[in-house]
Amino acid sequence: MYALGRGVTQNYQEALKLYRLAGAQGNRDALSSIGNLYAMGKGVTRDDNEALKWFRLSAAQGNAHGEHGLGNKYASGTGVGKDIVRAYMWYSLAVAQGNSTSVTSRDYSAAEMTVAQIAQAKAMAAKCKASNYKDCG
């Protein structure tokens, strides 16, 4: 509520505090929300490395929002080397969980890829999911 200002005055610092508490209790949506705050510099200094850390923690728990956040980072090369194959992989994992925003992002990435790269990304996504997010390269 604090991040969006719904029913309260918008306050990103308070949102971050509450997201951290929820994340410490295993709330994977909170982890991706922390990543978003760092990615956008809302209530904190923009920090791509910190955003990546939180997106990874969320994605490692199979959270579609964390997966999408990682896809964005790899697609843009923000905080990591640009890797369109890895971006497609993360978007695909998010799509498999019903994240409709990731469909557009995945398809946009595919426009820059070869058939072999798409096959590689799909294989990486399958391996990641089969390993319960332990082997996601």
N, C-alpha and C. Protein backbone atom coordinates (compact mmCIF):
# COMPACT_ATOMS: atom_id res chain seq x y z
N MET A 1 0.81 -1.18 0.00
CA MET A 1 0.00 0.00 0.00
C MET A 1 0.86 1.25 0.00
N TYR A 2 1.95 1.22 0.74
CA TYR A 2 2.81 2.40 0.81
C TYR A 2 3.49 2.67 -0.53
N ALA A 3 3.88 1.64 -1.25
CA ALA A 3 4.55 1.85 -2.53
C ALA A 3 3.61 2.50 -3.54
N LEU A 4 2.33 2.17 -3.47
CA LEU A 4 1.35 2.71 -4.42
C LEU A 4 0.60 3.91 -3.88
N GLY A 5 0.67 4.13 -2.58
CA GLY A 5 -0.06 5.24 -1.98
C GLY A 5 -1.55 4.97 -1.91
N ARG A 6 -1.92 3.72 -1.75
CA ARG A 6 -3.34 3.36 -1.66
C ARG A 6 -3.79 3.37 -0.20
N GLY A 7 -4.64 4.34 0.12
CA GLY A 7 -5.16 4.45 1.48
C GLY A 7 -4.20 5.10 2.47
N VAL A 8 -2.98 5.34 2.03
CA VAL A 8 -1.95 5.98 2.85
C VAL A 8 -1.14 6.90 1.95
N THR A 9 -0.37 7.77 2.56
CA THR A 9 0.53 8.60 1.78
C THR A 9 1.64 7.72 1.21
N GLN A 10 1.92 7.90 -0.05
CA GLN A 10 2.97 7.09 -0.68
C GLN A 10 4.30 7.32 0.03
N ASN A 11 4.95 6.22 0.40
CA ASN A 11 6.18 6.30 1.15
C ASN A 11 7.02 5.07 0.81
N TYR A 12 7.98 5.23 -0.09
CA TYR A 12 8.79 4.11 -0.55
C TYR A 12 9.69 3.55 0.55
N GLN A 13 10.17 4.40 1.46
CA GLN A 13 11.01 3.90 2.55
C GLN A 13 10.21 2.97 3.46
N GLU A 14 8.98 3.36 3.75
CA GLU A 14 8.12 2.50 4.58
C GLU A 14 7.78 1.21 3.83
N ALA A 15 7.53 1.33 2.52
CA ALA A 15 7.25 0.14 1.71
C ALA A 15 8.44 -0.81 1.75
N LEU A 16 9.65 -0.26 1.61
CA LEU A 16 10.85 -1.09 1.64
C LEU A 16 10.98 -1.81 2.98
N LYS A 17 10.73 -1.08 4.06
CA LYS A 17 10.81 -1.68 5.40
C LYS A 17 9.85 -2.87 5.52
N LEU A 18 8.62 -2.68 5.05
CA LEU A 18 7.61 -3.74 5.15
C LEU A 18 7.91 -4.89 4.18
N TYR A 19 8.41 -4.56 2.99
CA TYR A 19 8.80 -5.62 2.04
C TYR A 19 9.92 -6.48 2.62
N ARG A 20 10.87 -5.83 3.29
CA ARG A 20 11.98 -6.58 3.90
C ARG A 20 11.46 -7.54 4.99
N LEU A 21 10.52 -7.06 5.79
CA LEU A 21 9.94 -7.92 6.83
C LEU A 21 9.20 -9.09 6.20
N ALA A 22 8.43 -8.82 5.18
CA ALA A 22 7.68 -9.88 4.50
C ALA A 22 8.63 -10.85 3.79
N GLY A 23 9.67 -10.30 3.18
CA GLY A 23 10.66 -11.14 2.50
C GLY A 23 11.38 -12.05 3.46
N ALA A 24 11.67 -11.56 4.64
CA ALA A 24 12.34 -12.37 5.67
C ALA A 24 11.45 -13.52 6.13
N GLN A 25 10.15 -13.37 5.92
CA GLN A 25 9.21 -14.43 6.28
C GLN A 25 8.89 -15.33 5.09
N GLY A 26 9.63 -15.14 3.99
CA GLY A 26 9.48 -16.01 2.83
C GLY A 26 8.53 -15.52 1.76
N ASN A 27 8.07 -14.29 1.85
CA ASN A 27 7.16 -13.76 0.83
C ASN A 27 7.95 -13.40 -0.42
N ARG A 28 7.82 -14.22 -1.46
CA ARG A 28 8.62 -14.01 -2.68
C ARG A 28 8.16 -12.81 -3.49
N ASP A 29 6.88 -12.41 -3.37
CA ASP A 29 6.44 -11.18 -4.04
C ASP A 29 7.14 -9.97 -3.42
N ALA A 30 7.33 -10.01 -2.12
CA ALA A 30 8.02 -8.91 -1.44
C ALA A 30 9.46 -8.80 -1.94
N LEU A 31 10.10 -9.93 -2.18
CA LEU A 31 11.47 -9.92 -2.67
C LEU A 31 11.57 -9.25 -4.04
N SER A 32 10.64 -9.58 -4.93
CA SER A 32 10.67 -8.94 -6.25
C SER A 32 10.30 -7.46 -6.15
N SER A 33 9.45 -7.12 -5.20
CA SER A 33 9.10 -5.70 -5.00
C SER A 33 10.31 -4.90 -4.53
N ILE A 34 11.13 -5.50 -3.68
CA ILE A 34 12.38 -4.84 -3.27
C ILE A 34 13.26 -4.63 -4.49
N GLY A 35 13.35 -5.66 -5.33
CA GLY A 35 14.12 -5.53 -6.57
C GLY A 35 13.63 -4.38 -7.43
N ASN A 36 12.31 -4.24 -7.53
CA ASN A 36 11.75 -3.15 -8.32
C ASN A 36 12.11 -1.79 -7.75
N LEU A 37 12.07 -1.66 -6.42
CA LEU A 37 12.42 -0.38 -5.81
C LEU A 37 13.86 0.00 -6.16
N TYR A 38 14.77 -0.97 -6.07
CA TYR A 38 16.17 -0.69 -6.41
C TYR A 38 16.35 -0.45 -7.91
N ALA A 39 15.62 -1.17 -8.73
CA ALA A 39 15.74 -1.01 -10.18
C ALA A 39 15.28 0.37 -10.63
N MET A 40 14.26 0.90 -9.94
CA MET A 40 13.71 2.20 -10.31
C MET A 40 14.23 3.35 -9.47
N GLY A 41 14.95 3.05 -8.41
CA GLY A 41 15.44 4.11 -7.53
C GLY A 41 14.32 4.78 -6.76
N LYS A 42 13.35 4.00 -6.33
CA LYS A 42 12.21 4.53 -5.57
C LYS A 42 12.45 4.31 -4.08
N GLY A 43 12.72 5.39 -3.36
CA GLY A 43 12.96 5.31 -1.93
C GLY A 43 14.37 4.89 -1.56
N VAL A 44 15.15 4.55 -2.55
CA VAL A 44 16.54 4.13 -2.38
C VAL A 44 17.33 4.68 -3.56
N THR A 45 18.63 4.67 -3.43
CA THR A 45 19.46 5.02 -4.58
C THR A 45 19.36 3.89 -5.59
N ARG A 46 19.16 4.23 -6.85
CA ARG A 46 19.06 3.20 -7.89
C ARG A 46 20.34 2.36 -7.86
N ASP A 47 20.16 1.05 -7.81
CA ASP A 47 21.30 0.15 -7.69
C ASP A 47 20.96 -1.15 -8.42
N ASP A 48 21.51 -1.30 -9.63
CA ASP A 48 21.20 -2.46 -10.45
C ASP A 48 21.69 -3.76 -9.83
N ASN A 49 22.82 -3.73 -9.15
CA ASN A 49 23.33 -4.94 -8.51
C ASN A 49 22.40 -5.38 -7.37
N GLU A 50 21.92 -4.42 -6.62
CA GLU A 50 21.00 -4.74 -5.53
C GLU A 50 19.67 -5.24 -6.10
N ALA A 51 19.20 -4.62 -7.17
CA ALA A 51 17.96 -5.08 -7.82
C ALA A 51 18.12 -6.53 -8.29
N LEU A 52 19.25 -6.83 -8.91
CA LEU A 52 19.51 -8.20 -9.38
C LEU A 52 19.48 -9.19 -8.22
N LYS A 53 20.09 -8.81 -7.13
CA LYS A 53 20.12 -9.68 -5.95
C LYS A 53 18.71 -10.06 -5.53
N TRP A 54 17.83 -9.10 -5.44
CA TRP A 54 16.47 -9.35 -4.96
C TRP A 54 15.64 -10.09 -6.01
N PHE A 55 15.83 -9.75 -7.28
CA PHE A 55 15.13 -10.49 -8.33
C PHE A 55 15.57 -11.95 -8.33
N ARG A 56 16.86 -12.19 -8.13
CA ARG A 56 17.36 -13.58 -8.09
C ARG A 56 16.78 -14.35 -6.91
N LEU A 57 16.72 -13.70 -5.75
CA LEU A 57 16.14 -14.36 -4.58
C LEU A 57 14.67 -14.72 -4.83
N SER A 58 13.96 -13.83 -5.44
CA SER A 58 12.55 -14.07 -5.75
C SER A 58 12.39 -15.16 -6.81
N ALA A 59 13.17 -15.05 -7.88
CA ALA A 59 13.09 -16.03 -8.97
C ALA A 59 13.50 -17.42 -8.51
N ALA A 60 14.45 -17.49 -7.59
CA ALA A 60 14.90 -18.79 -7.07
C ALA A 60 13.78 -19.52 -6.34
N GLN A 61 12.75 -18.77 -5.97
CA GLN A 61 11.58 -19.36 -5.31
C GLN A 61 10.44 -19.55 -6.31
N GLY A 62 10.75 -19.37 -7.60
CA GLY A 62 9.74 -19.57 -8.63
C GLY A 62 8.74 -18.45 -8.77
N ASN A 63 9.12 -17.24 -8.42
CA ASN A 63 8.22 -16.10 -8.50
C ASN A 63 8.27 -15.47 -9.90
N ALA A 64 7.13 -15.38 -10.56
CA ALA A 64 7.05 -14.85 -11.92
C ALA A 64 7.53 -13.40 -12.01
N HIS A 65 7.27 -12.60 -11.00
CA HIS A 65 7.69 -11.20 -11.04
C HIS A 65 9.22 -11.09 -10.94
N GLY A 66 9.82 -11.93 -10.11
CA GLY A 66 11.28 -11.96 -10.04
C GLY A 66 11.88 -12.45 -11.34
N GLU A 67 11.25 -13.45 -11.94
CA GLU A 67 11.72 -13.96 -13.24
C GLU A 67 11.63 -12.88 -14.30
N HIS A 68 10.53 -12.16 -14.31
CA HIS A 68 10.37 -11.07 -15.28
C HIS A 68 11.43 -9.98 -15.05
N GLY A 69 11.66 -9.65 -13.79
CA GLY A 69 12.68 -8.64 -13.48
C GLY A 69 14.05 -9.06 -13.98
N LEU A 70 14.40 -10.34 -13.80
CA LEU A 70 15.68 -10.83 -14.31
C LEU A 70 15.69 -10.78 -15.84
N GLY A 71 14.58 -11.15 -16.45
CA GLY A 71 14.50 -11.05 -17.91
C GLY A 71 14.77 -9.64 -18.39
N ASN A 72 14.19 -8.66 -17.71
CA ASN A 72 14.42 -7.26 -18.09
C ASN A 72 15.89 -6.87 -17.97
N LYS A 73 16.52 -7.31 -16.89
CA LYS A 73 17.92 -6.97 -16.67
C LYS A 73 18.81 -7.56 -17.76
N TYR A 74 18.57 -8.84 -18.11
CA TYR A 74 19.39 -9.47 -19.14
C TYR A 74 19.07 -8.92 -20.53
N ALA A 75 17.82 -8.56 -20.78
CA ALA A 75 17.44 -8.01 -22.08
C ALA A 75 18.09 -6.65 -22.32
N SER A 76 18.18 -5.86 -21.27
CA SER A 76 18.75 -4.52 -21.40
C SER A 76 20.25 -4.45 -21.12
N GLY A 77 20.76 -5.48 -20.46
CA GLY A 77 22.17 -5.45 -20.06
C GLY A 77 22.41 -4.50 -18.91
N THR A 78 21.38 -4.26 -18.11
CA THR A 78 21.48 -3.34 -16.98
C THR A 78 21.91 -4.10 -15.73
N GLY A 79 23.15 -3.87 -15.31
CA GLY A 79 23.68 -4.53 -14.13
C GLY A 79 24.32 -5.88 -14.43
N VAL A 80 24.09 -6.37 -15.62
CA VAL A 80 24.68 -7.64 -16.10
C VAL A 80 25.02 -7.44 -17.57
N GLY A 81 25.82 -8.36 -18.10
CA GLY A 81 26.06 -8.32 -19.54
C GLY A 81 24.77 -8.65 -20.27
N LYS A 82 24.50 -7.95 -21.35
CA LYS A 82 23.30 -8.23 -22.13
C LYS A 82 23.37 -9.67 -22.62
N ASP A 83 22.29 -10.41 -22.37
CA ASP A 83 22.23 -11.82 -22.74
C ASP A 83 20.78 -12.13 -23.12
N ILE A 84 20.50 -12.02 -24.40
CA ILE A 84 19.13 -12.17 -24.88
C ILE A 84 18.62 -13.60 -24.68
N VAL A 85 19.52 -14.58 -24.73
CA VAL A 85 19.12 -15.98 -24.51
C VAL A 85 18.65 -16.15 -23.07
N ARG A 86 19.42 -15.63 -22.14
CA ARG A 86 19.04 -15.72 -20.72
C ARG A 86 17.77 -14.90 -20.45
N ALA A 87 17.62 -13.75 -21.11
CA ALA A 87 16.40 -12.96 -20.95
C ALA A 87 15.19 -13.77 -21.40
N TYR A 88 15.30 -14.40 -22.57
CA TYR A 88 14.20 -15.22 -23.08
C TYR A 88 13.88 -16.35 -22.11
N MET A 89 14.92 -16.96 -21.56
CA MET A 89 14.71 -18.04 -20.59
C MET A 89 13.88 -17.56 -19.41
N TRP A 90 14.27 -16.44 -18.80
CA TRP A 90 13.55 -15.95 -17.63
C TRP A 90 12.13 -15.51 -17.99
N TYR A 91 11.97 -14.84 -19.13
CA TYR A 91 10.62 -14.47 -19.56
C TYR A 91 9.77 -15.71 -19.76
N SER A 92 10.34 -16.76 -20.36
CA SER A 92 9.59 -17.99 -20.61
C SER A 92 9.11 -18.63 -19.31
N LEU A 93 9.96 -18.62 -18.30
CA LEU A 93 9.57 -19.17 -17.00
C LEU A 93 8.42 -18.37 -16.40
N ALA A 94 8.48 -17.06 -16.55
CA ALA A 94 7.40 -16.21 -16.04
C ALA A 94 6.11 -16.44 -16.82
N VAL A 95 6.22 -16.59 -18.13
CA VAL A 95 5.05 -16.85 -18.98
C VAL A 95 4.38 -18.16 -18.56
N ALA A 96 5.18 -19.16 -18.27
CA ALA A 96 4.65 -20.47 -17.87
C ALA A 96 3.80 -20.38 -16.60
N GLN A 97 4.00 -19.32 -15.84
CA GLN A 97 3.22 -19.10 -14.62
C GLN A 97 2.07 -18.12 -14.82
N GLY A 98 1.86 -17.73 -16.07
CA GLY A 98 0.74 -16.86 -16.39
C GLY A 98 1.02 -15.37 -16.38
N ASN A 99 2.29 -14.98 -16.34
CA ASN A 99 2.63 -13.56 -16.34
C ASN A 99 2.47 -13.02 -17.76
N SER A 100 1.37 -12.31 -18.02
CA SER A 100 1.05 -11.85 -19.37
C SER A 100 2.01 -10.78 -19.88
N THR A 101 2.57 -9.98 -19.00
CA THR A 101 3.54 -8.96 -19.41
C THR A 101 4.77 -9.62 -20.01
N SER A 102 5.12 -10.77 -19.49
CA SER A 102 6.31 -11.47 -19.97
C SER A 102 6.13 -12.03 -21.37
N VAL A 103 4.88 -12.27 -21.79
CA VAL A 103 4.64 -12.76 -23.15
C VAL A 103 5.17 -11.76 -24.16
N THR A 104 4.81 -10.50 -23.99
CA THR A 104 5.26 -9.46 -24.90
C THR A 104 6.77 -9.31 -24.86
N SER A 105 7.34 -9.33 -23.65
CA SER A 105 8.79 -9.18 -23.51
C SER A 105 9.52 -10.35 -24.14
N ARG A 106 9.02 -11.56 -23.91
CA ARG A 106 9.64 -12.76 -24.50
C ARG A 106 9.58 -12.69 -26.02
N ASP A 107 8.43 -12.32 -26.56
CA ASP A 107 8.27 -12.28 -28.01
C ASP A 107 9.12 -11.17 -28.62
N TYR A 108 9.26 -10.07 -27.92
CA TYR A 108 10.13 -8.99 -28.38
C TYR A 108 11.58 -9.47 -28.42
N SER A 109 11.99 -10.21 -27.40
CA SER A 109 13.35 -10.77 -27.37
C SER A 109 13.56 -11.74 -28.52
N ALA A 110 12.55 -12.55 -28.79
CA ALA A 110 12.66 -13.56 -29.84
C ALA A 110 12.94 -12.93 -31.21
N ALA A 111 12.47 -11.71 -31.40
CA ALA A 111 12.69 -11.03 -32.68
C ALA A 111 14.17 -10.77 -32.93
N GLU A 112 14.98 -10.75 -31.88
CA GLU A 112 16.42 -10.51 -31.99
C GLU A 112 17.23 -11.81 -32.02
N MET A 113 16.54 -12.95 -31.94
CA MET A 113 17.24 -14.22 -31.75
C MET A 113 17.16 -15.12 -32.98
N THR A 114 18.13 -16.04 -33.06
CA THR A 114 18.08 -17.08 -34.08
C THR A 114 17.23 -18.24 -33.56
N VAL A 115 16.85 -19.13 -34.45
CA VAL A 115 16.09 -20.31 -34.05
C VAL A 115 16.90 -21.13 -33.03
N ALA A 116 18.20 -21.24 -33.26
CA ALA A 116 19.07 -22.00 -32.34
C ALA A 116 19.12 -21.35 -30.97
N GLN A 117 19.15 -20.03 -30.90
CA GLN A 117 19.17 -19.34 -29.61
C GLN A 117 17.86 -19.55 -28.85
N ILE A 118 16.75 -19.52 -29.57
CA ILE A 118 15.45 -19.76 -28.94
C ILE A 118 15.40 -21.18 -28.38
N ALA A 119 15.87 -22.14 -29.15
CA ALA A 119 15.90 -23.53 -28.68
C ALA A 119 16.79 -23.66 -27.44
N GLN A 120 17.93 -22.97 -27.44
CA GLN A 120 18.83 -22.99 -26.29
C GLN A 120 18.13 -22.40 -25.06
N ALA A 121 17.46 -21.27 -25.23
CA ALA A 121 16.76 -20.62 -24.12
C ALA A 121 15.66 -21.51 -23.56
N LYS A 122 14.93 -22.19 -24.45
CA LYS A 122 13.86 -23.09 -23.99
C LYS A 122 14.44 -24.26 -23.21
N ALA A 123 15.57 -24.79 -23.68
CA ALA A 123 16.22 -25.89 -22.96
C ALA A 123 16.72 -25.43 -21.59
N MET A 124 17.26 -24.22 -21.53
CA MET A 124 17.73 -23.67 -20.26
C MET A 124 16.56 -23.50 -19.28
N ALA A 125 15.42 -23.02 -19.79
CA ALA A 125 14.24 -22.83 -18.95
C ALA A 125 13.74 -24.18 -18.42
N ALA A 126 13.73 -25.19 -19.28
CA ALA A 126 13.28 -26.52 -18.85
C ALA A 126 14.21 -27.08 -17.78
N LYS A 127 15.50 -26.89 -17.96
CA LYS A 127 16.48 -27.38 -16.99
C LYS A 127 16.33 -26.65 -15.65
N CYS A 128 16.13 -25.36 -15.72
CA CYS A 128 15.95 -24.55 -14.52
C CYS A 128 14.72 -25.03 -13.74
N LYS A 129 13.61 -25.18 -14.44
CA LYS A 129 12.38 -25.60 -13.79
C LYS A 129 12.51 -27.02 -13.23
N ALA A 130 13.11 -27.92 -14.00
CA ALA A 130 13.27 -29.31 -13.56
C ALA A 130 14.15 -29.42 -12.32
N SER A 131 15.08 -28.49 -12.18
CA SER A 131 15.99 -28.52 -11.02
C SER A 131 15.41 -27.76 -9.82
N ASN A 132 14.14 -27.35 -9.94
CA ASN A 132 13.49 -26.54 -8.90
C ASN A 132 14.28 -25.26 -8.63
N TYR A 133 14.72 -24.65 -9.74
CA TYR A 133 15.44 -23.36 -9.74
C TYR A 133 16.82 -23.41 -9.12
N LYS A 134 17.40 -24.59 -9.07
CA LYS A 134 18.77 -24.73 -8.54
C LYS A 134 19.81 -24.63 -9.65
N ASP A 135 19.43 -24.96 -10.91
CA ASP A 135 20.37 -24.96 -12.03
C ASP A 135 19.82 -24.08 -13.15
N CYS A 136 19.94 -22.78 -12.94
CA CYS A 136 19.38 -21.83 -13.90
C CYS A 136 20.47 -21.07 -14.64
N GLY A 137 21.69 -21.55 -14.52
CA GLY A 137 22.80 -20.95 -15.26
C GLY A 137 23.01 -19.56 -14.89
